[in-house]
Amino acid sequence: MTTLWGGLEAGGTKFVCAVGSGPDDIRAEARFPTTTPAETLARTIAFFREQVDQLGPLAAIGVGSFGPVDPDPASPHYGYITTTPKPGWKNTDVVGPLRAAFGVPVGFDTDVNGAVLGEARWGAARGLANAVYFTIGTGIGGGAILNGRLAHGLVHPEMGHMLLRRDPARDPYVGHCPYHGDCWEGLSAGPALEERYGVKAETFGLDHPAWDLEAHYVAQALMNVICVLSPERIILGGGVMGQAHLFPRIHREVQTLLNGYVQHAAILERISEYIVAPGLGTRSGILGAFALAEQALADA
């Protein structure tokens, strides 16, 4: 009998729920807006209950969530969305209601840690022990697998808020981030692109100066990550990276910034295979939730 996982990609704008066993076996899926915690979690539980009635029991549930979150199983607030600025969602228990409703292990982490786990299980990082996944869209977040395990510490990685060099002569825009101004997210996320130029980024032509500046900032961040974590692959997802022409620009900028310091063929000769798009496409998040469920069952 096939083991079925429940997966929840809990986004600040929408929740995506699914039941299945892997990329080639998604039995049911639902998407709905992120409203209040009570309403949104009730819709999530109702979806999974309906699927259990139709398809059979779930072995475990995995949740990849917007954050910040508490991913420490030893913490009394494990499974909570913590200090989010999203109205109404501060200190929301996500895991508790799911455990109470279904009585199965529930894996919980950031959406980007879930995505990198999914990519390691089935996608562009398959077979690698060290990889990093970034989503560059409305916000910027990064998840990492190091020596085969998801990276955690005091809390979880917040790589989208690393500080970058900004040349005010080239870019006078002071940044969008309410906490740090011109951190990476403040300079490169979708809202920053639109605010800097006054129009929606999807209207930019291929020769718009935004793209070379965007590639420069992304490459700065990737250089930092390469020097600090030495990943075997870097995966770039999210809405901004739907602009496929950014990849060769980023490849060139990373090589320029590293300036031959990291002497490895992956960077010097095969960078297009080193910094890549998600192997799971837009499903990294929900399949990452399946992978979190699989890991939760193994750790139970």
C-alpha atoms as a PDB file:
ATOM      1  CA  MET A   1       0.000   0.000   0.000  1.00  0.00           C
ATOM      2  CA  THR A   2       1.387   3.414  -0.976  1.00  0.00           C
ATOM      3  CA  THR A   3       2.440   5.670   1.895  1.00  0.00           C
ATOM      4  CA  LEU A   4       0.569   8.953   1.639  1.00  0.00           C
ATOM      5  CA  TRP A   5       1.918  12.266   2.866  1.00  0.00           C
ATOM      6  CA  GLY A   6       0.040  15.424   3.643  1.00  0.00           C
ATOM      7  CA  GLY A   7       1.816  18.565   2.537  1.00  0.00           C
ATOM      8  CA  LEU A   8       1.138  22.191   3.424  1.00  0.00           C
ATOM      9  CA  GLU A   9       2.944  25.121   1.835  1.00  0.00           C
ATOM     10  CA  ALA A  10       1.832  27.895   4.170  1.00  0.00           C
ATOM     11  CA  GLY A  11       2.405  31.197   2.409  1.00  0.00           C
ATOM     12  CA  GLY A  12       1.634  34.687   3.557  1.00  0.00           C
ATOM     13  CA  THR A  13      -0.665  35.152   0.556  1.00  0.00           C
ATOM     14  CA  LYS A  14      -2.019  31.651  -0.019  1.00  0.00           C
ATOM     15  CA  PHE A  15      -1.985  28.160   1.471  1.00  0.00           C
ATOM     16  CA  VAL A  16      -1.342  25.166  -0.802  1.00  0.00           C
ATOM     17  CA  CYS A  17      -2.380  21.752   0.524  1.00  0.00           C
ATOM     18  CA  ALA A  18      -1.717  18.428  -1.159  1.00  0.00           C
ATOM     19  CA  VAL A  19      -1.830  14.681  -0.571  1.00  0.00           C
ATOM     20  CA  GLY A  20       0.375  12.208  -2.401  1.00  0.00           C
ATOM     21  CA  SER A  21       3.526  10.139  -2.278  1.00  0.00           C
ATOM     22  CA  GLY A  22       5.892  12.172  -4.450  1.00  0.00           C
ATOM     23  CA  PRO A  23       6.335  14.243  -7.613  1.00  0.00           C
ATOM     24  CA  ASP A  24       4.606  11.727  -9.850  1.00  0.00           C
ATOM     25  CA  ASP A  25       1.780  10.940  -7.443  1.00  0.00           C
ATOM     26  CA  ILE A  26      -0.119  13.974  -6.190  1.00  0.00           C
ATOM     27  CA  ARG A  27      -3.629  12.680  -5.521  1.00  0.00           C
ATOM     28  CA  ALA A  28      -5.320  15.924  -4.480  1.00  0.00           C
ATOM     29  CA  GLU A  29      -4.426  19.589  -4.164  1.00  0.00           C
ATOM     30  CA  ALA A  30      -6.144  22.774  -3.002  1.00  0.00           C
ATOM     31  CA  ARG A  31      -5.191  26.467  -2.873  1.00  0.00           C
ATOM     32  CA  PHE A  32      -6.915  29.185  -0.904  1.00  0.00           C
ATOM     33  CA  PRO A  33      -6.108  32.665   0.398  1.00  0.00           C
ATOM     34  CA  THR A  34      -4.336  33.173   3.705  1.00  0.00           C
ATOM     35  CA  THR A  35      -6.974  34.975   5.768  1.00  0.00           C
ATOM     36  CA  THR A  36      -7.206  34.695   9.572  1.00  0.00           C
ATOM     37  CA  PRO A  37      -5.384  31.859  11.331  1.00  0.00           C
ATOM     38  CA  ALA A  38      -8.635  30.285  12.531  1.00  0.00           C
ATOM     39  CA  GLU A  39     -10.281  30.318   9.111  1.00  0.00           C
ATOM     40  CA  THR A  40      -7.192  29.284   7.139  1.00  0.00           C
ATOM     41  CA  LEU A  41      -6.216  26.422   9.449  1.00  0.00           C
ATOM     42  CA  ALA A  42      -9.835  25.223   9.539  1.00  0.00           C
ATOM     43  CA  ARG A  43      -9.859  25.037   5.724  1.00  0.00           C
ATOM     44  CA  THR A  44      -6.534  23.162   5.830  1.00  0.00           C
ATOM     45  CA  ILE A  45      -7.844  20.587   8.294  1.00  0.00           C
ATOM     46  CA  ALA A  46     -11.083  20.186   6.330  1.00  0.00           C
ATOM     47  CA  PHE A  47      -9.092  19.498   3.149  1.00  0.00           C
ATOM     48  CA  PHE A  48      -6.975  16.803   4.790  1.00  0.00           C
ATOM     49  CA  ARG A  49     -10.010  15.209   6.472  1.00  0.00           C
ATOM     50  CA  GLU A  50     -11.782  14.968   3.129  1.00  0.00           C
ATOM     51  CA  GLN A  51      -8.746  13.318   1.549  1.00  0.00           C
ATOM     52  CA  VAL A  52      -8.350  10.858   4.429  1.00  0.00           C
ATOM     53  CA  ASP A  53     -11.987   9.859   3.960  1.00  0.00           C
ATOM     54  CA  GLN A  54     -11.457   9.327   0.227  1.00  0.00           C
ATOM     55  CA  LEU A  55      -7.865   8.085  -0.026  1.00  0.00           C
ATOM     56  CA  GLY A  56      -7.017   6.577   3.352  1.00  0.00           C
ATOM     57  CA  PRO A  57      -4.844   7.644   6.290  1.00  0.00           C
ATOM     58  CA  LEU A  58      -1.860   9.955   6.087  1.00  0.00           C
ATOM     59  CA  ALA A  59       1.443   8.631   7.428  1.00  0.00           C
ATOM     60  CA  ALA A  60       2.600  12.126   8.369  1.00  0.00           C
ATOM     61  CA  ILE A  61       2.099  15.778   7.470  1.00  0.00           C
ATOM     62  CA  GLY A  62       4.792  18.266   6.492  1.00  0.00           C
ATOM     63  CA  VAL A  63       4.511  22.036   6.745  1.00  0.00           C
ATOM     64  CA  GLY A  64       6.770  24.572   5.051  1.00  0.00           C
ATOM     65  CA  SER A  65       5.738  27.964   6.379  1.00  0.00           C
ATOM     66  CA  PHE A  66       6.294  31.660   5.973  1.00  0.00           C
ATOM     67  CA  GLY A  67       8.066  33.015   8.996  1.00  0.00           C
ATOM     68  CA  PRO A  68       9.785  33.684  11.189  1.00  0.00           C
ATOM     69  CA  VAL A  69       8.957  30.315  12.761  1.00  0.00           C
ATOM     70  CA  ASP A  70      10.078  28.119  15.645  1.00  0.00           C
ATOM     71  CA  PRO A  71      11.426  24.888  14.088  1.00  0.00           C
ATOM     72  CA  ASP A  72      12.995  23.469  17.299  1.00  0.00           C
ATOM     73  CA  PRO A  73      11.125  20.275  18.346  1.00  0.00           C
ATOM     74  CA  ALA A  74      12.369  20.778  21.925  1.00  0.00           C
ATOM     75  CA  SER A  75      10.839  24.249  22.167  1.00  0.00           C
ATOM     76  CA  PRO A  76       7.433  24.790  23.810  1.00  0.00           C
ATOM     77  CA  HIS A  77       6.568  26.919  20.790  1.00  0.00           C
ATOM     78  CA  TYR A  78       7.634  24.397  18.161  1.00  0.00           C
ATOM     79  CA  GLY A  79       5.432  24.726  15.118  1.00  0.00           C
ATOM     80  CA  TYR A  80       4.546  28.352  15.724  1.00  0.00           C
ATOM     81  CA  ILE A  81       4.756  31.261  13.332  1.00  0.00           C
ATOM     82  CA  THR A  82       6.394  33.748  15.674  1.00  0.00           C
ATOM     83  CA  THR A  83       7.225  37.425  15.046  1.00  0.00           C
ATOM     84  CA  THR A  84       5.699  37.789  11.604  1.00  0.00           C
ATOM     85  CA  PRO A  85       4.528  41.272  10.586  1.00  0.00           C
ATOM     86  CA  LYS A  86       1.514  39.674   8.870  1.00  0.00           C
ATOM     87  CA  PRO A  87      -1.535  41.017  10.744  1.00  0.00           C
ATOM     88  CA  GLY A  88      -3.166  38.467  13.024  1.00  0.00           C
ATOM     89  CA  TRP A  89      -0.573  35.741  12.558  1.00  0.00           C
ATOM     90  CA  LYS A  90       1.954  36.590  15.261  1.00  0.00           C
ATOM     91  CA  ASN A  91       2.482  33.642  17.657  1.00  0.00           C
ATOM     92  CA  THR A  92       0.191  31.290  15.722  1.00  0.00           C
ATOM     93  CA  ASP A  93       0.357  27.567  16.458  1.00  0.00           C
ATOM     94  CA  VAL A  94       0.272  25.719  13.138  1.00  0.00           C
ATOM     95  CA  VAL A  95       1.461  22.257  14.151  1.00  0.00           C
ATOM     96  CA  GLY A  96      -0.734  21.828  17.257  1.00  0.00           C
ATOM     97  CA  PRO A  97      -4.091  21.858  15.442  1.00  0.00           C
ATOM     98  CA  LEU A  98      -2.806  19.440  12.794  1.00  0.00           C
ATOM     99  CA  ARG A  99      -1.493  17.010  15.406  1.00  0.00           C
ATOM    100  CA  ALA A 100      -4.749  17.202  17.347  1.00  0.00           C
ATOM    101  CA  ALA A 101      -6.842  16.586  14.222  1.00  0.00           C
ATOM    102  CA  PHE A 102      -4.894  13.675  12.739  1.00  0.00           C
ATOM    103  CA  GLY A 103      -2.647  12.167  15.425  1.00  0.00           C
ATOM    104  CA  VAL A 104       0.313  11.722  13.072  1.00  0.00           C
ATOM    105  CA  PRO A 105       3.862  13.147  13.081  1.00  0.00           C
ATOM    106  CA  VAL A 106       4.022  16.701  11.722  1.00  0.00           C
ATOM    107  CA  GLY A 107       7.251  18.035  10.242  1.00  0.00           C
ATOM    108  CA  PHE A 108       7.637  21.796  10.347  1.00  0.00           C
ATOM    109  CA  ASP A 109      10.165  24.253   8.949  1.00  0.00           C
ATOM    110  CA  THR A 110      10.486  27.383   6.861  1.00  0.00           C
ATOM    111  CA  ASP A 111       9.106  27.275   3.345  1.00  0.00           C
ATOM    112  CA  VAL A 112      12.618  27.601   1.895  1.00  0.00           C
ATOM    113  CA  ASN A 113      14.087  24.870   4.099  1.00  0.00           C
ATOM    114  CA  GLY A 114      11.231  22.694   2.939  1.00  0.00           C
ATOM    115  CA  ALA A 115      11.966  23.601  -0.672  1.00  0.00           C
ATOM    116  CA  VAL A 116      15.658  22.733  -0.419  1.00  0.00           C
ATOM    117  CA  LEU A 117      14.731  19.416   1.195  1.00  0.00           C
ATOM    118  CA  GLY A 118      12.343  18.683  -1.669  1.00  0.00           C
ATOM    119  CA  GLU A 119      15.010  19.580  -4.214  1.00  0.00           C
ATOM    120  CA  ALA A 120      17.473  17.283  -2.425  1.00  0.00           C
ATOM    121  CA  ARG A 121      14.941  14.451  -2.327  1.00  0.00           C
ATOM    122  CA  TRP A 122      13.643  14.685  -5.904  1.00  0.00           C
ATOM    123  CA  GLY A 123      15.037  17.703  -7.740  1.00  0.00           C
ATOM    124  CA  ALA A 124      18.119  19.695  -8.672  1.00  0.00           C
ATOM    125  CA  ALA A 125      20.051  18.818  -5.492  1.00  0.00           C
ATOM    126  CA  ARG A 126      19.338  15.090  -5.584  1.00  0.00           C
ATOM    127  CA  GLY A 127      22.307  13.077  -4.357  1.00  0.00           C
ATOM    128  CA  LEU A 128      24.073  16.107  -2.839  1.00  0.00           C
ATOM    129  CA  ALA A 129      24.826  16.569   0.848  1.00  0.00           C
ATOM    130  CA  ASN A 130      25.239  20.353   0.655  1.00  0.00           C
ATOM    131  CA  ALA A 131      22.931  22.676  -1.240  1.00  0.00           C
ATOM    132  CA  VAL A 132      21.193  26.017  -0.904  1.00  0.00           C
ATOM    133  CA  TYR A 133      17.802  27.079  -2.246  1.00  0.00           C
ATOM    134  CA  PHE A 134      16.722  30.712  -2.592  1.00  0.00           C
ATOM    135  CA  THR A 135      13.345  32.106  -3.446  1.00  0.00           C
ATOM    136  CA  ILE A 136      13.487  35.607  -4.927  1.00  0.00           C
ATOM    137  CA  GLY A 137      10.036  37.064  -5.239  1.00  0.00           C
ATOM    138  CA  THR A 138       7.834  39.171  -2.979  1.00  0.00           C
ATOM    139  CA  GLY A 139      10.516  38.526  -0.377  1.00  0.00           C
ATOM    140  CA  ILE A 140      13.837  36.709  -0.390  1.00  0.00           C
ATOM    141  CA  GLY A 141      14.559  33.642   1.703  1.00  0.00           C
ATOM    142  CA  GLY A 142      17.163  30.918   1.726  1.00  0.00           C
ATOM    143  CA  GLY A 143      17.232  27.354   2.988  1.00  0.00           C
ATOM    144  CA  ALA A 144      20.261  25.096   3.261  1.00  0.00           C
ATOM    145  CA  ILE A 145      21.137  21.443   3.591  1.00  0.00           C
ATOM    146  CA  LEU A 146      24.551  20.952   5.180  1.00  0.00           C
ATOM    147  CA  ASN A 147      26.068  17.478   5.458  1.00  0.00           C
ATOM    148  CA  GLY A 148      22.678  16.012   4.640  1.00  0.00           C
ATOM    149  CA  ARG A 149      20.721  17.884   7.318  1.00  0.00           C
ATOM    150  CA  LEU A 150      18.611  21.017   7.220  1.00  0.00           C
ATOM    151  CA  ALA A 151      20.438  24.013   8.652  1.00  0.00           C
ATOM    152  CA  HIS A 152      19.199  25.301  12.009  1.00  0.00           C
ATOM    153  CA  GLY A 153      20.853  27.232  14.798  1.00  0.00           C
ATOM    154  CA  LEU A 154      19.420  29.813  17.149  1.00  0.00           C
ATOM    155  CA  VAL A 155      16.365  29.708  14.879  1.00  0.00           C
ATOM    156  CA  HIS A 156      16.680  29.186  11.137  1.00  0.00           C
ATOM    157  CA  PRO A 157      18.595  30.821   8.265  1.00  0.00           C
ATOM    158  CA  GLU A 158      17.464  34.311   7.221  1.00  0.00           C
ATOM    159  CA  MET A 159      19.759  34.654   4.241  1.00  0.00           C
ATOM    160  CA  GLY A 160      17.533  37.163   2.486  1.00  0.00           C
ATOM    161  CA  HIS A 161      18.594  39.785   5.010  1.00  0.00           C
ATOM    162  CA  MET A 162      22.345  39.625   4.513  1.00  0.00           C
ATOM    163  CA  LEU A 163      23.894  43.044   3.942  1.00  0.00           C
ATOM    164  CA  LEU A 164      25.308  43.838   0.507  1.00  0.00           C
ATOM    165  CA  ARG A 165      27.441  46.615  -0.955  1.00  0.00           C
ATOM    166  CA  ARG A 166      25.345  49.323  -2.578  1.00  0.00           C
ATOM    167  CA  ASP A 167      27.014  52.015  -4.679  1.00  0.00           C
ATOM    168  CA  PRO A 168      24.801  55.114  -4.190  1.00  0.00           C
ATOM    169  CA  ALA A 169      26.052  56.578  -7.464  1.00  0.00           C
ATOM    170  CA  ARG A 170      24.841  53.544  -9.394  1.00  0.00           C
ATOM    171  CA  ASP A 171      21.813  52.856  -7.227  1.00  0.00           C
ATOM    172  CA  PRO A 172      20.467  55.722  -5.092  1.00  0.00           C
ATOM    173  CA  TYR A 173      17.498  53.609  -3.956  1.00  0.00           C
ATOM    174  CA  VAL A 174      17.770  53.219  -0.158  1.00  0.00           C
ATOM    175  CA  GLY A 175      15.979  49.891   0.082  1.00  0.00           C
ATOM    176  CA  HIS A 176      12.570  48.451   0.873  1.00  0.00           C
ATOM    177  CA  CYS A 177      13.226  46.403   4.023  1.00  0.00           C
ATOM    178  CA  PRO A 178      11.580  47.979   7.104  1.00  0.00           C
ATOM    179  CA  TYR A 179      14.259  46.454   9.350  1.00  0.00           C
ATOM    180  CA  HIS A 180      17.509  46.881   7.410  1.00  0.00           C
ATOM    181  CA  GLY A 181      16.845  49.174   4.461  1.00  0.00           C
ATOM    182  CA  ASP A 182      19.277  48.051   1.780  1.00  0.00           C
ATOM    183  CA  CYS A 183      19.767  44.413   2.744  1.00  0.00           C
ATOM    184  CA  TRP A 184      19.414  41.840  -0.064  1.00  0.00           C
ATOM    185  CA  GLU A 185      15.633  41.625   0.264  1.00  0.00           C
ATOM    186  CA  GLY A 186      15.452  45.391   0.557  1.00  0.00           C
ATOM    187  CA  LEU A 187      17.299  45.816  -2.736  1.00  0.00           C
ATOM    188  CA  SER A 188      16.267  42.832  -4.855  1.00  0.00           C
ATOM    189  CA  ALA A 189      12.813  41.520  -3.955  1.00  0.00           C
ATOM    190  CA  GLY A 190       9.902  42.230  -6.273  1.00  0.00           C
ATOM    191  CA  PRO A 191       8.576  45.219  -4.285  1.00  0.00           C
ATOM    192  CA  ALA A 192      12.026  46.834  -4.362  1.00  0.00           C
ATOM    193  CA  LEU A 193      12.216  46.499  -8.152  1.00  0.00           C
ATOM    194  CA  GLU A 194       8.817  48.115  -8.570  1.00  0.00           C
ATOM    195  CA  GLU A 195       9.448  50.868  -6.021  1.00  0.00           C
ATOM    196  CA  ARG A 196      12.859  51.742  -7.484  1.00  0.00           C
ATOM    197  CA  TYR A 197      11.547  52.189 -11.038  1.00  0.00           C
ATOM    198  CA  GLY A 198       7.911  53.066 -10.416  1.00  0.00           C
ATOM    199  CA  VAL A 199       6.425  50.329 -12.615  1.00  0.00           C
ATOM    200  CA  LYS A 200       5.780  46.592 -12.339  1.00  0.00           C
ATOM    201  CA  ALA A 201       8.893  44.508 -12.949  1.00  0.00           C
ATOM    202  CA  GLU A 202       7.099  42.273 -15.450  1.00  0.00           C
ATOM    203  CA  THR A 203       6.856  45.277 -17.778  1.00  0.00           C
ATOM    204  CA  PHE A 204      10.655  45.657 -17.993  1.00  0.00           C
ATOM    205  CA  GLY A 205      12.238  44.798 -21.337  1.00  0.00           C
ATOM    206  CA  LEU A 206      15.272  42.539 -21.535  1.00  0.00           C
ATOM    207  CA  ASP A 207      17.538  45.568 -21.921  1.00  0.00           C
ATOM    208  CA  HIS A 208      16.158  47.369 -18.858  1.00  0.00           C
ATOM    209  CA  PRO A 209      18.964  48.440 -16.478  1.00  0.00           C
ATOM    210  CA  ALA A 210      17.112  46.749 -13.618  1.00  0.00           C
ATOM    211  CA  TRP A 211      18.297  43.319 -14.691  1.00  0.00           C
ATOM    212  CA  ASP A 212      22.038  43.959 -14.592  1.00  0.00           C
ATOM    213  CA  LEU A 213      21.638  45.605 -11.188  1.00  0.00           C
ATOM    214  CA  GLU A 214      19.514  42.690  -9.975  1.00  0.00           C
ATOM    215  CA  ALA A 215      22.126  40.191 -11.187  1.00  0.00           C
ATOM    216  CA  HIS A 216      24.818  42.182  -9.388  1.00  0.00           C
ATOM    217  CA  TYR A 217      22.999  42.045  -6.056  1.00  0.00           C
ATOM    218  CA  VAL A 218      22.068  38.378  -6.411  1.00  0.00           C
ATOM    219  CA  ALA A 219      25.674  37.545  -7.296  1.00  0.00           C
ATOM    220  CA  GLN A 220      26.958  39.418  -4.235  1.00  0.00           C
ATOM    221  CA  ALA A 221      24.687  37.329  -2.019  1.00  0.00           C
ATOM    222  CA  LEU A 222      25.714  34.099  -3.745  1.00  0.00           C
ATOM    223  CA  MET A 223      29.391  34.967  -3.369  1.00  0.00           C
ATOM    224  CA  ASN A 224      28.826  35.343   0.370  1.00  0.00           C
ATOM    225  CA  VAL A 225      27.078  31.974   0.544  1.00  0.00           C
ATOM    226  CA  ILE A 226      29.715  30.244  -1.559  1.00  0.00           C
ATOM    227  CA  CYS A 227      32.472  31.543   0.726  1.00  0.00           C
ATOM    228  CA  VAL A 228      30.613  30.758   3.960  1.00  0.00           C
ATOM    229  CA  LEU A 229      28.822  27.456   3.243  1.00  0.00           C
ATOM    230  CA  SER A 230      30.594  26.073   0.152  1.00  0.00           C
ATOM    231  CA  PRO A 231      27.438  24.438  -1.238  1.00  0.00           C
ATOM    232  CA  GLU A 232      27.662  21.865  -3.991  1.00  0.00           C
ATOM    233  CA  ARG A 233      24.763  23.520  -5.818  1.00  0.00           C
ATOM    234  CA  ILE A 234      22.736  26.727  -5.578  1.00  0.00           C
ATOM    235  CA  ILE A 235      19.097  26.723  -6.696  1.00  0.00           C
ATOM    236  CA  LEU A 236      17.290  29.977  -7.501  1.00  0.00           C
ATOM    237  CA  GLY A 237      13.491  29.993  -7.530  1.00  0.00           C
ATOM    238  CA  GLY A 238      10.700  32.491  -7.007  1.00  0.00           C
ATOM    239  CA  GLY A 239       8.854  34.908  -9.246  1.00  0.00           C
ATOM    240  CA  VAL A 240      11.783  37.188 -10.068  1.00  0.00           C
ATOM    241  CA  MET A 241      13.836  34.202 -11.230  1.00  0.00           C
ATOM    242  CA  GLY A 242      11.088  33.411 -13.698  1.00  0.00           C
ATOM    243  CA  GLN A 243      13.110  35.866 -15.797  1.00  0.00           C
ATOM    244  CA  ALA A 244      15.360  33.123 -17.194  1.00  0.00           C
ATOM    245  CA  HIS A 245      17.717  35.646 -18.805  1.00  0.00           C
ATOM    246  CA  LEU A 246      18.910  36.524 -15.292  1.00  0.00           C
ATOM    247  CA  PHE A 247      20.790  33.239 -14.949  1.00  0.00           C
ATOM    248  CA  PRO A 248      23.648  33.926 -17.409  1.00  0.00           C
ATOM    249  CA  ARG A 249      23.988  37.452 -16.017  1.00  0.00           C
ATOM    250  CA  ILE A 250      24.256  36.036 -12.495  1.00  0.00           C
ATOM    251  CA  HIS A 251      26.733  33.383 -13.636  1.00  0.00           C
ATOM    252  CA  ARG A 252      29.031  36.036 -15.098  1.00  0.00           C
ATOM    253  CA  GLU A 253      28.722  38.309 -12.061  1.00  0.00           C
ATOM    254  CA  VAL A 254      29.527  35.506  -9.616  1.00  0.00           C
ATOM    255  CA  GLN A 255      32.652  34.595 -11.565  1.00  0.00           C
ATOM    256  CA  THR A 256      33.669  38.252 -11.707  1.00  0.00           C
ATOM    257  CA  LEU A 257      33.149  38.823  -7.986  1.00  0.00           C
ATOM    258  CA  LEU A 258      34.944  35.634  -6.930  1.00  0.00           C
ATOM    259  CA  ASN A 259      37.813  36.630  -9.249  1.00  0.00           C
ATOM    260  CA  GLY A 260      39.317  33.144  -9.349  1.00  0.00           C
ATOM    261  CA  TYR A 261      39.523  32.811  -5.561  1.00  0.00           C
ATOM    262  CA  VAL A 262      37.452  29.619  -5.370  1.00  0.00           C
ATOM    263  CA  GLN A 263      39.346  27.272  -7.647  1.00  0.00           C
ATOM    264  CA  HIS A 264      36.804  24.651  -8.579  1.00  0.00           C
ATOM    265  CA  ALA A 265      35.604  23.542 -11.993  1.00  0.00           C
ATOM    266  CA  ALA A 266      31.974  23.856 -10.886  1.00  0.00           C
ATOM    267  CA  ILE A 267      32.462  27.621 -10.774  1.00  0.00           C
ATOM    268  CA  LEU A 268      35.228  28.150 -13.301  1.00  0.00           C
ATOM    269  CA  GLU A 269      33.939  25.817 -16.044  1.00  0.00           C
ATOM    270  CA  ARG A 270      30.418  24.578 -15.239  1.00  0.00           C
ATOM    271  CA  ILE A 271      28.727  27.459 -13.480  1.00  0.00           C
ATOM    272  CA  SER A 272      25.526  27.012 -15.509  1.00  0.00           C
ATOM    273  CA  GLU A 273      25.230  23.589 -13.838  1.00  0.00           C
ATOM    274  CA  TYR A 274      26.142  24.996 -10.416  1.00  0.00           C
ATOM    275  CA  ILE A 275      23.682  27.895 -10.124  1.00  0.00           C
ATOM    276  CA  VAL A 276      20.431  26.527 -11.511  1.00  0.00           C
ATOM    277  CA  ALA A 277      16.654  26.781 -11.591  1.00  0.00           C
ATOM    278  CA  PRO A 278      14.620  24.412  -9.384  1.00  0.00           C
ATOM    279  CA  GLY A 279      14.424  20.897 -10.699  1.00  0.00           C
ATOM    280  CA  LEU A 280      10.869  20.681  -9.348  1.00  0.00           C
ATOM    281  CA  GLY A 281       9.810  23.927 -10.998  1.00  0.00           C
ATOM    282  CA  THR A 282       7.093  25.723  -9.062  1.00  0.00           C
ATOM    283  CA  ARG A 283       6.420  22.604  -6.952  1.00  0.00           C
ATOM    284  CA  SER A 284       9.552  22.785  -4.802  1.00  0.00           C
ATOM    285  CA  GLY A 285       7.514  24.092  -1.868  1.00  0.00           C
ATOM    286  CA  ILE A 286       4.671  21.594  -1.801  1.00  0.00           C
ATOM    287  CA  LEU A 287       6.945  18.647  -2.591  1.00  0.00           C
ATOM    288  CA  GLY A 288       9.291  19.947   0.086  1.00  0.00           C
ATOM    289  CA  ALA A 289       6.359  19.648   2.489  1.00  0.00           C
ATOM    290  CA  PHE A 290       6.046  15.974   1.482  1.00  0.00           C
ATOM    291  CA  ALA A 291       9.763  15.573   2.216  1.00  0.00           C
ATOM    292  CA  LEU A 292       9.283  17.208   5.631  1.00  0.00           C
ATOM    293  CA  ALA A 293       6.490  14.720   6.339  1.00  0.00           C
ATOM    294  CA  GLU A 294       8.726  11.840   5.284  1.00  0.00           C
ATOM    295  CA  GLN A 295      11.476  13.108   7.579  1.00  0.00           C
ATOM    296  CA  ALA A 296       9.050  13.596  10.470  1.00  0.00           C
ATOM    297  CA  LEU A 297       7.922   9.978  10.218  1.00  0.00           C
ATOM    298  CA  ALA A 298      11.532   8.764  10.109  1.00  0.00           C
ATOM    299  CA  ASP A 299      12.368  10.841  13.197  1.00  0.00           C
ATOM    300  CA  ALA A 300       9.262   9.816  15.143  1.00  0.00           C
END
